[in-house]
Amino acid sequence: RITRLGYVANKLGTYPLALVSRVHNIPFYVAAPTSTVDLRSAGPGDFEIEKRSPEEVLYVKGIRIAPEGVTAIYYAFDITPPQLVTGIITERGIAYPPYSKSLISILGAGN
């Protein structure tokens, strides 16, 4: 999901990759279909990030690998802030900051 302000919720690892790109002055683009852009959502507080079962990180093949009493939270996605995103590539064009204007321009205000 991509919000109208350019926050990108994607598979875990996207955010750290964007951070590393920033440190090394490498442009970081997101490629996504326009169907993933949600103009009603502004930021990460406007939607819930899916959590997977803690058992997936506490157990391997049915055997507990974490000490007893340890709990886990296993998020399926992370959120990359718009400041780390150089551009958002869609089938209708490339959006650049400020995303609140460029995404609406690409998608149309009715989406």
Protein backbone atom coordinates (compact mmCIF):
# COMPACT_ATOMS: atom_id res chain seq x y z
CA ARG A 1 0.00 0.00 0.00
CA ILE A 2 1.15 3.51 -0.80
CA THR A 3 -0.46 6.49 0.92
CA ARG A 4 -1.17 9.85 -0.67
CA LEU A 5 1.82 11.31 1.20
CA GLY A 6 4.13 8.62 -0.20
CA TYR A 7 4.47 6.24 2.74
CA VAL A 8 5.13 2.76 1.34
CA ALA A 9 4.01 -0.39 3.19
CA ASN A 10 5.85 -3.29 1.60
CA LYS A 11 7.48 -6.61 2.49
CA LEU A 12 9.90 -6.54 5.40
CA GLY A 13 13.28 -5.28 4.31
CA THR A 14 12.11 -2.42 2.13
CA TYR A 15 12.70 0.22 4.81
CA PRO A 16 16.29 -0.84 5.64
CA LEU A 17 17.08 -1.05 1.92
CA ALA A 18 15.83 2.53 1.51
CA LEU A 19 17.99 3.63 4.45
CA VAL A 20 21.10 2.00 2.98
CA SER A 21 20.33 3.60 -0.37
CA ARG A 22 20.14 7.02 1.29
CA VAL A 23 23.46 6.54 3.11
CA HIS A 24 25.18 5.62 -0.17
CA ASN A 25 23.43 8.32 -2.24
CA ILE A 26 21.65 5.76 -4.42
CA PRO A 27 18.18 6.76 -5.68
CA PHE A 28 15.44 4.55 -4.24
CA TYR A 29 12.40 3.98 -6.46
CA VAL A 30 9.28 1.99 -5.70
CA ALA A 31 7.55 0.18 -8.57
CA ALA A 32 3.88 -0.52 -7.94
CA PRO A 33 0.57 -0.70 -9.78
CA THR A 34 -1.77 2.23 -9.18
CA SER A 35 -4.18 -0.22 -7.52
CA THR A 36 -1.86 -0.17 -4.46
CA VAL A 37 -2.12 3.61 -4.02
CA ASP A 38 -4.65 4.61 -1.37
CA LEU A 39 -5.38 8.33 -1.63
CA ARG A 40 -7.65 8.13 1.44
CA SER A 41 -4.71 7.17 3.67
CA ALA A 42 -2.19 9.85 4.60
CA GLY A 43 0.26 7.93 6.75
CA PRO A 44 0.95 4.75 8.68
CA GLY A 45 -1.65 5.59 11.32
CA ASP A 46 -4.42 5.23 8.73
CA PHE A 47 -4.10 1.47 8.25
CA GLU A 48 -3.04 -1.61 10.15
CA ILE A 49 0.10 -3.57 9.34
CA GLU A 50 -0.58 -7.30 9.09
CA LYS A 51 0.99 -9.43 11.82
CA ARG A 52 1.84 -13.06 11.27
CA SER A 53 1.75 -15.78 13.89
CA PRO A 54 4.54 -15.46 16.49
CA GLU A 55 4.97 -19.24 16.19
CA GLU A 56 6.57 -18.65 12.79
CA VAL A 57 9.61 -17.10 14.49
CA LEU A 58 9.55 -19.00 17.77
CA TYR A 59 9.45 -22.49 16.24
CA VAL A 60 11.15 -24.27 13.35
CA LYS A 61 9.61 -27.56 12.18
CA GLY A 62 7.63 -27.73 15.42
CA ILE A 63 10.68 -27.29 17.66
CA ARG A 64 10.89 -24.19 19.82
CA ILE A 65 14.07 -22.26 19.03
CA ALA A 66 13.49 -19.35 21.41
CA PRO A 67 13.87 -19.64 25.18
CA GLU A 68 10.71 -20.31 27.18
CA GLY A 69 8.95 -17.12 28.16
CA VAL A 70 10.17 -15.22 25.11
CA THR A 71 7.39 -13.69 23.04
CA ALA A 72 7.55 -12.38 19.50
CA ILE A 73 5.83 -9.97 17.16
CA TYR A 74 6.14 -10.85 13.48
CA TYR A 75 5.07 -8.08 11.15
CA ALA A 76 4.56 -9.03 7.51
CA PHE A 77 5.38 -5.53 6.21
CA ASP A 78 7.40 -2.47 7.12
CA ILE A 79 6.75 1.18 6.30
CA THR A 80 9.17 3.29 4.31
CA PRO A 81 8.73 7.04 4.85
CA PRO A 82 8.39 9.28 1.79
CA GLN A 83 11.62 11.13 2.59
CA LEU A 84 13.53 7.99 1.53
CA VAL A 85 11.63 7.42 -1.73
CA THR A 86 13.06 9.11 -4.84
CA GLY A 87 10.03 8.27 -6.96
CA ILE A 88 7.09 5.90 -7.34
CA ILE A 89 6.91 4.16 -10.72
CA THR A 90 3.40 3.19 -11.86
CA GLU A 91 1.85 2.08 -15.13
CA ARG A 92 0.53 5.66 -15.51
CA GLY A 93 3.81 7.44 -14.92
CA ILE A 94 6.36 8.27 -12.25
CA ALA A 95 5.35 10.24 -9.17
CA TYR A 96 7.94 12.46 -7.49
CA PRO A 97 7.78 14.42 -4.22
CA PRO A 98 5.60 16.03 -3.09
CA TYR A 99 3.57 12.85 -3.48
CA SER A 100 0.37 14.47 -2.22
CA LYS A 101 0.31 16.37 -5.53
CA SER A 102 1.98 14.01 -8.00
CA LEU A 103 0.03 10.87 -7.01
CA ILE A 104 -3.27 12.73 -7.30
CA SER A 105 -2.15 14.08 -10.68
CA ILE A 106 -1.30 10.57 -11.94
CA LEU A 107 -4.37 8.85 -10.49
CA GLY A 108 -6.93 11.63 -10.64
CA ALA A 109 -8.66 13.03 -7.56
CA GLY A 110 -11.54 10.53 -7.82
CA ASN A 111 -9.42 7.49 -6.85
